[in-house]
Amino acid sequence: MRAIPTILCLFASVAHAVPGQFTHQGRLLNDDGTPMAGDATITFRVTNAETGGSIVWTETQTVTLNNGFYAAVLGADEVDNPLDTEVLMNAPVW
């Protein structure tokens, strides 16, 4: 009977190790409305106010554009720059 609580504790500790990551998708267009091509360097930020707030998390990535569309996994650098779930729990954030 003692093995069941131990196993449940192991599963609980694994659940807390899930990183805070999410995929952001967007499209970049030139001034004339045509899709941008090639690679683009984008800085993603989470702030604590819609305007004039403080940056609580930031990450810069180079993404490949496909007809202007891109996808980036934010928080993928779990060692040096994780997107800590505590940052997102301080809602609202922008």
Protein backbone atom coordinates (compact mmCIF):
# COMPACT_ATOMS: atom_id res chain seq x y z
CA MET A 1 0.00 0.00 0.00
CA ARG A 2 2.92 2.36 0.57
CA ALA A 3 4.01 2.13 -3.09
CA ILE A 4 0.89 3.86 -4.41
CA PRO A 5 1.43 7.17 -2.53
CA THR A 6 5.11 7.12 -3.54
CA ILE A 7 4.21 6.67 -7.20
CA LEU A 8 1.66 9.48 -7.00
CA CYS A 9 4.29 11.79 -5.50
CA LEU A 10 6.67 11.00 -8.36
CA PHE A 11 4.01 11.91 -10.93
CA ALA A 12 3.24 15.13 -9.07
CA SER A 13 6.88 16.21 -9.10
CA VAL A 14 7.15 15.56 -12.84
CA ALA A 15 4.09 17.72 -13.51
CA HIS A 16 5.80 20.72 -11.91
CA ALA A 17 8.75 20.38 -14.29
CA VAL A 18 6.71 21.30 -17.38
CA PRO A 19 8.26 24.43 -18.93
CA GLY A 20 6.23 27.54 -19.66
CA GLN A 21 6.40 27.63 -23.44
CA PHE A 22 3.98 28.62 -26.12
CA THR A 23 3.98 29.07 -29.88
CA HIS A 24 3.46 32.53 -31.31
CA GLN A 25 2.48 32.85 -34.95
CA GLY A 26 2.29 35.98 -37.07
CA ARG A 27 2.78 37.52 -40.47
CA LEU A 28 5.10 40.33 -41.48
CA LEU A 29 4.26 42.58 -44.43
CA ASN A 30 6.19 45.30 -46.22
CA ASP A 31 4.82 48.87 -46.31
CA ASP A 32 3.12 48.12 -49.64
CA GLY A 33 1.31 45.10 -48.16
CA THR A 34 3.43 42.41 -49.80
CA PRO A 35 4.69 39.56 -47.60
CA MET A 36 8.25 39.84 -46.32
CA ALA A 37 10.69 37.07 -47.27
CA GLY A 38 13.86 35.53 -45.85
CA ASP A 39 14.86 35.68 -42.21
CA ALA A 40 13.66 38.25 -39.67
CA THR A 41 14.97 38.98 -36.20
CA ILE A 42 12.07 39.61 -33.82
CA THR A 43 12.16 40.62 -30.16
CA PHE A 44 9.24 39.23 -28.16
CA ARG A 45 8.37 40.90 -24.85
CA VAL A 46 5.96 40.38 -21.99
CA THR A 47 5.11 43.60 -20.16
CA ASN A 48 3.04 44.40 -17.10
CA ALA A 49 1.02 47.18 -18.78
CA GLU A 50 -0.43 47.77 -22.22
CA THR A 51 1.57 51.01 -22.60
CA GLY A 52 4.41 52.41 -20.52
CA GLY A 53 4.85 49.26 -18.44
CA SER A 54 7.93 47.35 -17.42
CA ILE A 55 9.34 44.43 -19.38
CA VAL A 56 9.01 41.27 -17.29
CA TRP A 57 10.38 38.86 -19.93
CA THR A 58 12.07 39.25 -23.31
CA GLU A 59 13.53 37.01 -26.00
CA THR A 60 15.01 37.68 -29.44
CA GLN A 61 14.76 35.07 -32.18
CA THR A 62 15.57 34.86 -35.85
CA VAL A 63 12.68 33.25 -37.71
CA THR A 64 12.30 32.16 -41.33
CA LEU A 65 9.43 33.80 -43.17
CA ASN A 66 7.23 31.76 -45.49
CA ASN A 67 5.03 34.14 -47.51
CA GLY A 68 5.48 36.49 -44.55
CA PHE A 69 4.27 33.93 -41.99
CA TYR A 70 6.39 32.76 -39.07
CA ALA A 71 6.08 30.62 -35.95
CA ALA A 72 8.27 30.90 -32.85
CA VAL A 73 8.37 28.83 -29.67
CA LEU A 74 8.71 31.34 -26.85
CA GLY A 75 10.48 30.19 -23.70
CA ALA A 76 12.27 27.30 -25.42
CA ASP A 77 15.58 28.27 -23.78
CA GLU A 78 14.72 26.61 -20.47
CA VAL A 79 18.21 27.06 -18.99
CA ASP A 80 19.18 30.67 -19.73
CA ASN A 81 15.81 32.36 -20.44
CA PRO A 82 12.79 30.27 -19.49
CA LEU A 83 9.35 31.78 -19.85
CA ASP A 84 8.53 31.24 -16.19
CA THR A 85 4.89 30.40 -15.62
CA GLU A 86 4.98 32.83 -12.68
CA VAL A 87 5.41 35.64 -15.22
CA LEU A 88 2.19 34.66 -16.99
CA MET A 89 0.32 34.11 -13.73
CA ASN A 90 0.77 37.82 -12.92
CA ALA A 91 -2.07 38.56 -15.32
CA PRO A 92 -2.89 40.76 -16.95
CA VAL A 93 0.30 40.88 -18.98
CA TRP A 94 0.84 42.07 -22.54
